[in-house]
Amino acid sequence: MRPLRALIVEDDKAVAIVTRGFVERHGAFVVAGEASTGRAALEAIEAIRPDLVLLDVHLPDASGIEVLRVARARGFAGEVVAVTAARDLETVRAARAFGVRHYLVKPFGLEAMRERLEAIRAELEQAESLGLRVLDQRAVDAMLQPSDRQRPAPAGSQLTLDRVAALLETLDGTSSATEIGESLGMSRVSARRYLERLVLEGRAEVAPRYGGTGRPELRYSARR
């Protein structure tokens, strides 16, 4: 399979550099271009026709969702990973309406990026291997079959998810992944994965808390 072309749309230069490094380390993707504004993103999508756009939701001149809406209207059918520092349910729903199936919440790590890239690579490879212009029912079902990472979590994980949800329900205000992890005896990374899943399911909300220097801290709360 040919290398997959990725376009990075990110106005934070430091984040763009890190993202480029993550993408290039995967091996199946090449970074075909970068853009730091909505206007530049649309121009790059038109010129490059990338297989994948890593799209920051918050751009200086437009929202990433609006960029995606215009790109889709112009015929862009590639994959998109929505990247945001504050993923609320409305943003997720808006992105899904334009075909987004993968998300990254800042700050994200190499493993989170690798999982999204690998899922997209597998999906595109499967579509290419079908080699059909007109798909029958079996081919359509095969393309829509979720990967292992997209399947529902096993019972044990569901129990832990419910524990995290129950703890959020009992708390006043917001909590970080670190605080939730310490309360339940799990790592911050594991707690954050469960919290992100609760947000996707509409059972929790997330918002950044700014203060001091460095990246904003993501704070979670039960959706009332």
C-alpha atoms as a PDB file:
ATOM      1  CA  MET A   1       0.000   0.000   0.000  1.00  0.00           C
ATOM      2  CA  ARG A   2       1.321   3.469  -0.874  1.00  0.00           C
ATOM      3  CA  PRO A   3       2.288   5.877   1.946  1.00  0.00           C
ATOM      4  CA  LEU A   4      -0.754   7.726   3.262  1.00  0.00           C
ATOM      5  CA  ARG A   5      -0.575  11.509   3.042  1.00  0.00           C
ATOM      6  CA  ALA A   6      -1.371  13.435   6.217  1.00  0.00           C
ATOM      7  CA  LEU A   7      -2.109  17.144   6.582  1.00  0.00           C
ATOM      8  CA  ILE A   8      -1.511  18.702  10.011  1.00  0.00           C
ATOM      9  CA  VAL A   9      -3.771  21.669  10.794  1.00  0.00           C
ATOM     10  CA  GLU A  10      -2.514  23.226  14.030  1.00  0.00           C
ATOM     11  CA  ASP A  11      -1.841  26.852  15.009  1.00  0.00           C
ATOM     12  CA  ASP A  12       0.454  25.973  17.931  1.00  0.00           C
ATOM     13  CA  LYS A  13       3.915  25.495  16.410  1.00  0.00           C
ATOM     14  CA  ALA A  14       5.153  23.359  19.294  1.00  0.00           C
ATOM     15  CA  VAL A  15       2.158  21.025  19.030  1.00  0.00           C
ATOM     16  CA  ALA A  16       2.569  20.856  15.246  1.00  0.00           C
ATOM     17  CA  ILE A  17       6.198  19.780  15.626  1.00  0.00           C
ATOM     18  CA  VAL A  18       5.281  17.054  18.109  1.00  0.00           C
ATOM     19  CA  THR A  19       2.396  15.893  15.926  1.00  0.00           C
ATOM     20  CA  ARG A  20       4.654  15.684  12.880  1.00  0.00           C
ATOM     21  CA  GLY A  21       7.093  13.550  14.842  1.00  0.00           C
ATOM     22  CA  PHE A  22       4.337  11.196  15.985  1.00  0.00           C
ATOM     23  CA  VAL A  23       2.962  10.799  12.454  1.00  0.00           C
ATOM     24  CA  GLU A  24       6.360  10.189  10.892  1.00  0.00           C
ATOM     25  CA  ARG A  25       7.200   7.551  13.500  1.00  0.00           C
ATOM     26  CA  HIS A  26       4.214   5.438  12.465  1.00  0.00           C
ATOM     27  CA  GLY A  27       5.737   4.491   9.125  1.00  0.00           C
ATOM     28  CA  ALA A  28       2.580   4.162   7.032  1.00  0.00           C
ATOM     29  CA  PHE A  29       2.052   7.937   6.852  1.00  0.00           C
ATOM     30  CA  VAL A  30       3.992  10.865   5.434  1.00  0.00           C
ATOM     31  CA  VAL A  31       3.332  14.478   6.384  1.00  0.00           C
ATOM     32  CA  ALA A  32       2.342  16.104   3.103  1.00  0.00           C
ATOM     33  CA  GLY A  33       1.739  19.559   4.523  1.00  0.00           C
ATOM     34  CA  GLU A  34       0.944  21.790   7.486  1.00  0.00           C
ATOM     35  CA  ALA A  35      -1.470  24.684   7.967  1.00  0.00           C
ATOM     36  CA  SER A  36      -2.005  27.027  10.911  1.00  0.00           C
ATOM     37  CA  THR A  37      -5.260  28.739   9.874  1.00  0.00           C
ATOM     38  CA  GLY A  38      -8.611  27.667   8.530  1.00  0.00           C
ATOM     39  CA  ARG A  39      -8.020  29.420   5.219  1.00  0.00           C
ATOM     40  CA  ALA A  40      -4.629  27.787   4.755  1.00  0.00           C
ATOM     41  CA  ALA A  41      -6.135  24.428   5.697  1.00  0.00           C
ATOM     42  CA  LEU A  42      -8.776  24.642   2.975  1.00  0.00           C
ATOM     43  CA  GLU A  43      -6.151  25.636   0.415  1.00  0.00           C
ATOM     44  CA  ALA A  44      -3.912  22.741   1.468  1.00  0.00           C
ATOM     45  CA  ILE A  45      -6.764  20.221   1.359  1.00  0.00           C
ATOM     46  CA  GLU A  46      -7.614  21.369  -2.151  1.00  0.00           C
ATOM     47  CA  ALA A  47      -3.998  21.221  -3.324  1.00  0.00           C
ATOM     48  CA  ILE A  48      -2.820  18.066  -1.555  1.00  0.00           C
ATOM     49  CA  ARG A  49      -6.014  15.976  -1.350  1.00  0.00           C
ATOM     50  CA  PRO A  50      -4.643  14.202   1.741  1.00  0.00           C
ATOM     51  CA  ASP A  51      -5.777  10.807   2.949  1.00  0.00           C
ATOM     52  CA  LEU A  52      -5.894  12.136   6.508  1.00  0.00           C
ATOM     53  CA  VAL A  53      -6.318  15.545   8.127  1.00  0.00           C
ATOM     54  CA  LEU A  54      -5.304  16.027  11.751  1.00  0.00           C
ATOM     55  CA  LEU A  55      -7.612  18.969  12.396  1.00  0.00           C
ATOM     56  CA  ASP A  56      -7.352  21.299  15.372  1.00  0.00           C
ATOM     57  CA  VAL A  57     -10.870  22.365  16.345  1.00  0.00           C
ATOM     58  CA  HIS A  58      -9.768  25.827  17.552  1.00  0.00           C
ATOM     59  CA  LEU A  59      -8.034  27.874  14.847  1.00  0.00           C
ATOM     60  CA  PRO A  60      -7.318  31.615  14.902  1.00  0.00           C
ATOM     61  CA  ASP A  61      -9.619  32.511  12.009  1.00  0.00           C
ATOM     62  CA  ALA A  62     -12.271  29.774  12.065  1.00  0.00           C
ATOM     63  CA  SER A  63     -13.420  26.691  13.896  1.00  0.00           C
ATOM     64  CA  GLY A  64     -12.124  23.365  12.685  1.00  0.00           C
ATOM     65  CA  ILE A  65     -15.731  22.218  12.322  1.00  0.00           C
ATOM     66  CA  GLU A  66     -16.434  25.032   9.859  1.00  0.00           C
ATOM     67  CA  VAL A  67     -13.278  24.168   7.919  1.00  0.00           C
ATOM     68  CA  LEU A  68     -14.435  20.566   7.753  1.00  0.00           C
ATOM     69  CA  ARG A  69     -17.932  21.597   6.623  1.00  0.00           C
ATOM     70  CA  VAL A  70     -16.541  23.619   3.727  1.00  0.00           C
ATOM     71  CA  ALA A  71     -14.027  20.912   2.793  1.00  0.00           C
ATOM     72  CA  ARG A  72     -16.775  18.275   2.665  1.00  0.00           C
ATOM     73  CA  ALA A  73     -18.949  20.582   0.561  1.00  0.00           C
ATOM     74  CA  ARG A  74     -16.058  20.875  -1.881  1.00  0.00           C
ATOM     75  CA  GLY A  75     -15.814  17.104  -2.181  1.00  0.00           C
ATOM     76  CA  PHE A  76     -13.105  16.148   0.315  1.00  0.00           C
ATOM     77  CA  ALA A  77     -13.790  12.576   1.428  1.00  0.00           C
ATOM     78  CA  GLY A  78     -10.615  11.776   3.379  1.00  0.00           C
ATOM     79  CA  GLU A  79     -10.344  10.708   7.011  1.00  0.00           C
ATOM     80  CA  VAL A  80     -10.200  13.334   9.753  1.00  0.00           C
ATOM     81  CA  VAL A  81      -8.951  13.192  13.325  1.00  0.00           C
ATOM     82  CA  ALA A  82     -10.447  16.050  15.338  1.00  0.00           C
ATOM     83  CA  VAL A  83      -7.916  17.485  17.792  1.00  0.00           C
ATOM     84  CA  THR A  84      -9.118  19.701  20.616  1.00  0.00           C
ATOM     85  CA  ALA A  85      -8.166  20.893  24.076  1.00  0.00           C
ATOM     86  CA  ALA A  86     -11.792  21.023  25.230  1.00  0.00           C
ATOM     87  CA  ARG A  87     -13.927  18.258  23.833  1.00  0.00           C
ATOM     88  CA  ASP A  88     -17.554  18.900  24.699  1.00  0.00           C
ATOM     89  CA  LEU A  89     -20.441  16.762  23.521  1.00  0.00           C
ATOM     90  CA  GLU A  90     -21.715  19.380  21.056  1.00  0.00           C
ATOM     91  CA  THR A  91     -18.337  19.502  19.308  1.00  0.00           C
ATOM     92  CA  VAL A  92     -18.219  15.718  19.071  1.00  0.00           C
ATOM     93  CA  ARG A  93     -21.715  15.609  17.601  1.00  0.00           C
ATOM     94  CA  ALA A  94     -20.889  18.332  15.076  1.00  0.00           C
ATOM     95  CA  ALA A  95     -17.715  16.544  14.018  1.00  0.00           C
ATOM     96  CA  ARG A  96     -19.538  13.237  13.670  1.00  0.00           C
ATOM     97  CA  ALA A  97     -22.069  14.890  11.379  1.00  0.00           C
ATOM     98  CA  PHE A  98     -19.217  15.482   8.932  1.00  0.00           C
ATOM     99  CA  GLY A  99     -17.845  11.951   9.099  1.00  0.00           C
ATOM    100  CA  VAL A 100     -15.294  12.237  11.926  1.00  0.00           C
ATOM    101  CA  ARG A 101     -14.816   8.962  13.780  1.00  0.00           C
ATOM    102  CA  HIS A 102     -11.538   9.617  15.583  1.00  0.00           C
ATOM    103  CA  TYR A 103     -10.634  12.222  18.221  1.00  0.00           C
ATOM    104  CA  LEU A 104      -7.557  13.329  20.165  1.00  0.00           C
ATOM    105  CA  VAL A 105      -7.748  15.464  23.291  1.00  0.00           C
ATOM    106  CA  LYS A 106      -4.794  17.736  24.037  1.00  0.00           C
ATOM    107  CA  PRO A 107      -2.353  17.049  25.502  1.00  0.00           C
ATOM    108  CA  PHE A 108      -2.109  13.656  23.777  1.00  0.00           C
ATOM    109  CA  GLY A 109       0.739  11.162  23.763  1.00  0.00           C
ATOM    110  CA  LEU A 110       2.408   8.927  21.231  1.00  0.00           C
ATOM    111  CA  GLU A 111       0.289   5.892  22.107  1.00  0.00           C
ATOM    112  CA  ALA A 112      -2.999   7.742  21.646  1.00  0.00           C
ATOM    113  CA  MET A 113      -1.833   9.054  18.276  1.00  0.00           C
ATOM    114  CA  ARG A 114      -0.527   5.646  17.226  1.00  0.00           C
ATOM    115  CA  GLU A 115      -3.859   3.987  18.000  1.00  0.00           C
ATOM    116  CA  ARG A 116      -5.791   6.460  15.824  1.00  0.00           C
ATOM    117  CA  LEU A 117      -3.317   6.232  12.963  1.00  0.00           C
ATOM    118  CA  GLU A 118      -3.279   2.452  13.056  1.00  0.00           C
ATOM    119  CA  ALA A 119      -7.080   2.260  13.040  1.00  0.00           C
ATOM    120  CA  ILE A 120      -7.240   4.597  10.042  1.00  0.00           C
ATOM    121  CA  ARG A 121      -4.476   2.726   8.220  1.00  0.00           C
ATOM    122  CA  ALA A 122      -6.331  -0.563   8.697  1.00  0.00           C
ATOM    123  CA  GLU A 123      -9.621   0.935   7.493  1.00  0.00           C
ATOM    124  CA  LEU A 124      -8.084   2.456   4.362  1.00  0.00           C
ATOM    125  CA  GLU A 125      -6.129  -0.694   3.595  1.00  0.00           C
ATOM    126  CA  GLN A 126      -9.287  -2.761   3.909  1.00  0.00           C
ATOM    127  CA  ALA A 127     -11.187  -0.419   1.592  1.00  0.00           C
ATOM    128  CA  GLU A 128      -8.375  -0.560  -0.977  1.00  0.00           C
ATOM    129  CA  SER A 129      -8.144  -4.352  -0.787  1.00  0.00           C
ATOM    130  CA  LEU A 130     -11.832  -4.664  -1.671  1.00  0.00           C
ATOM    131  CA  GLY A 131     -11.030  -3.045  -5.008  1.00  0.00           C
ATOM    132  CA  LEU A 132     -14.682  -2.576  -5.940  1.00  0.00           C
ATOM    133  CA  ARG A 133     -16.403   0.412  -7.484  1.00  0.00           C
ATOM    134  CA  VAL A 134     -19.841  -0.994  -6.691  1.00  0.00           C
ATOM    135  CA  LEU A 135     -20.078  -2.647  -3.281  1.00  0.00           C
ATOM    136  CA  ASP A 136     -22.411  -5.466  -2.393  1.00  0.00           C
ATOM    137  CA  GLN A 137     -23.857  -5.871   1.120  1.00  0.00           C
ATOM    138  CA  ARG A 138     -20.980  -8.064   2.295  1.00  0.00           C
ATOM    139  CA  ALA A 139     -18.395  -5.498   1.171  1.00  0.00           C
ATOM    140  CA  VAL A 140     -20.232  -2.640   2.862  1.00  0.00           C
ATOM    141  CA  ASP A 141     -20.517  -4.639   6.099  1.00  0.00           C
ATOM    142  CA  ALA A 142     -16.793  -5.420   5.972  1.00  0.00           C
ATOM    143  CA  MET A 143     -15.869  -1.762   5.579  1.00  0.00           C
ATOM    144  CA  LEU A 144     -18.119  -0.700   8.436  1.00  0.00           C
ATOM    145  CA  GLN A 145     -17.029  -3.486  10.789  1.00  0.00           C
ATOM    146  CA  PRO A 146     -15.368  -1.790  13.763  1.00  0.00           C
ATOM    147  CA  SER A 147     -11.775  -2.591  14.591  1.00  0.00           C
ATOM    148  CA  ASP A 148     -10.917  -4.301  17.882  1.00  0.00           C
ATOM    149  CA  ARG A 149     -10.196  -0.926  19.479  1.00  0.00           C
ATOM    150  CA  GLN A 150     -13.660   0.290  18.544  1.00  0.00           C
ATOM    151  CA  ARG A 151     -15.563  -2.722  19.895  1.00  0.00           C
ATOM    152  CA  PRO A 152     -17.429  -2.428  23.195  1.00  0.00           C
ATOM    153  CA  ALA A 153     -15.221  -2.918  26.220  1.00  0.00           C
ATOM    154  CA  PRO A 154     -15.320  -6.306  27.998  1.00  0.00           C
ATOM    155  CA  ALA A 155     -17.374  -6.762  31.166  1.00  0.00           C
ATOM    156  CA  GLY A 156     -14.473  -6.000  33.505  1.00  0.00           C
ATOM    157  CA  SER A 157     -13.826  -2.663  31.796  1.00  0.00           C
ATOM    158  CA  GLN A 158     -17.542  -1.862  31.895  1.00  0.00           C
ATOM    159  CA  LEU A 159     -17.543  -2.384  35.651  1.00  0.00           C
ATOM    160  CA  THR A 160     -14.620  -0.009  36.037  1.00  0.00           C
ATOM    161  CA  LEU A 161     -16.309   2.495  33.737  1.00  0.00           C
ATOM    162  CA  ASP A 162     -19.402   2.399  35.941  1.00  0.00           C
ATOM    163  CA  ARG A 163     -17.224   2.929  39.034  1.00  0.00           C
ATOM    164  CA  VAL A 164     -15.701   6.033  37.476  1.00  0.00           C
ATOM    165  CA  ALA A 165     -19.167   7.304  36.502  1.00  0.00           C
ATOM    166  CA  ALA A 166     -20.505   6.659  40.001  1.00  0.00           C
ATOM    167  CA  LEU A 167     -17.608   8.544  41.576  1.00  0.00           C
ATOM    168  CA  LEU A 168     -18.186  11.551  39.317  1.00  0.00           C
ATOM    169  CA  GLU A 169     -21.847  11.556  40.332  1.00  0.00           C
ATOM    170  CA  THR A 170     -20.925  11.869  44.010  1.00  0.00           C
ATOM    171  CA  LEU A 171     -18.451  14.715  43.540  1.00  0.00           C
ATOM    172  CA  ASP A 172     -19.240  18.414  43.587  1.00  0.00           C
ATOM    173  CA  GLY A 173     -17.507  20.464  40.941  1.00  0.00           C
ATOM    174  CA  THR A 174     -14.901  19.015  38.602  1.00  0.00           C
ATOM    175  CA  SER A 175     -12.057  16.527  38.963  1.00  0.00           C
ATOM    176  CA  SER A 176      -8.903  15.727  37.026  1.00  0.00           C
ATOM    177  CA  ALA A 177      -7.891  12.303  35.762  1.00  0.00           C
ATOM    178  CA  THR A 178      -5.176  12.254  38.419  1.00  0.00           C
ATOM    179  CA  GLU A 179      -7.677  12.842  41.216  1.00  0.00           C
ATOM    180  CA  ILE A 180     -10.072  10.199  39.882  1.00  0.00           C
ATOM    181  CA  GLY A 181      -7.222   7.726  39.487  1.00  0.00           C
ATOM    182  CA  GLU A 182      -5.999   8.264  43.037  1.00  0.00           C
ATOM    183  CA  SER A 183      -9.517   7.817  44.428  1.00  0.00           C
ATOM    184  CA  LEU A 184     -10.033   4.513  42.593  1.00  0.00           C
ATOM    185  CA  GLY A 185      -6.489   3.153  42.802  1.00  0.00           C
ATOM    186  CA  MET A 186      -5.675   3.322  39.094  1.00  0.00           C
ATOM    187  CA  SER A 187      -3.171   5.219  36.983  1.00  0.00           C
ATOM    188  CA  ARG A 188      -3.890   8.671  35.619  1.00  0.00           C
ATOM    189  CA  VAL A 189      -3.713   7.321  32.074  1.00  0.00           C
ATOM    190  CA  SER A 190      -6.281   4.599  32.772  1.00  0.00           C
ATOM    191  CA  ALA A 191      -8.577   7.024  34.562  1.00  0.00           C
ATOM    192  CA  ARG A 192      -8.375   9.451  31.675  1.00  0.00           C
ATOM    193  CA  ARG A 193      -9.336   6.737  29.161  1.00  0.00           C
ATOM    194  CA  TYR A 194     -12.463   5.900  31.144  1.00  0.00           C
ATOM    195  CA  LEU A 195     -13.303   9.574  31.556  1.00  0.00           C
ATOM    196  CA  GLU A 196     -12.936  10.164  27.819  1.00  0.00           C
ATOM    197  CA  ARG A 197     -15.256   7.249  27.129  1.00  0.00           C
ATOM    198  CA  LEU A 198     -17.847   8.714  29.498  1.00  0.00           C
ATOM    199  CA  VAL A 199     -17.632  12.013  27.600  1.00  0.00           C
ATOM    200  CA  LEU A 200     -18.176  10.233  24.286  1.00  0.00           C
ATOM    201  CA  GLU A 201     -21.191   8.433  25.725  1.00  0.00           C
ATOM    202  CA  GLY A 202     -22.648  11.714  26.951  1.00  0.00           C
ATOM    203  CA  ARG A 203     -22.349  10.727  30.617  1.00  0.00           C
ATOM    204  CA  ALA A 204     -19.676  13.279  31.505  1.00  0.00           C
ATOM    205  CA  GLU A 205     -18.435  16.702  30.479  1.00  0.00           C
ATOM    206  CA  VAL A 206     -14.899  18.023  30.109  1.00  0.00           C
ATOM    207  CA  ALA A 207     -13.479  21.534  30.074  1.00  0.00           C
ATOM    208  CA  PRO A 208      -9.977  22.990  30.414  1.00  0.00           C
ATOM    209  CA  ARG A 209      -8.956  24.941  33.502  1.00  0.00           C
ATOM    210  CA  TYR A 210      -6.387  27.622  32.805  1.00  0.00           C
ATOM    211  CA  GLY A 211      -4.017  28.936  35.424  1.00  0.00           C
ATOM    212  CA  GLY A 212      -0.328  29.536  35.795  1.00  0.00           C
ATOM    213  CA  THR A 213       1.954  28.375  33.010  1.00  0.00           C
ATOM    214  CA  GLY A 214       1.881  25.325  30.793  1.00  0.00           C
ATOM    215  CA  ARG A 215      -1.004  23.454  29.236  1.00  0.00           C
ATOM    216  CA  PRO A 216      -4.536  23.783  30.637  1.00  0.00           C
ATOM    217  CA  GLU A 217      -5.690  20.985  32.930  1.00  0.00           C
ATOM    218  CA  LEU A 218      -8.691  19.002  31.751  1.00  0.00           C
ATOM    219  CA  ARG A 219     -11.425  18.808  34.389  1.00  0.00           C
ATOM    220  CA  TYR A 220     -14.284  16.309  34.268  1.00  0.00           C
ATOM    221  CA  SER A 221     -17.748  16.313  35.808  1.00  0.00           C
ATOM    222  CA  ALA A 222     -20.864  14.182  35.600  1.00  0.00           C
ATOM    223  CA  ARG A 223     -23.374  15.340  33.006  1.00  0.00           C
ATOM    224  CA  ARG A 224     -26.460  16.439  34.941  1.00  0.00           C
END
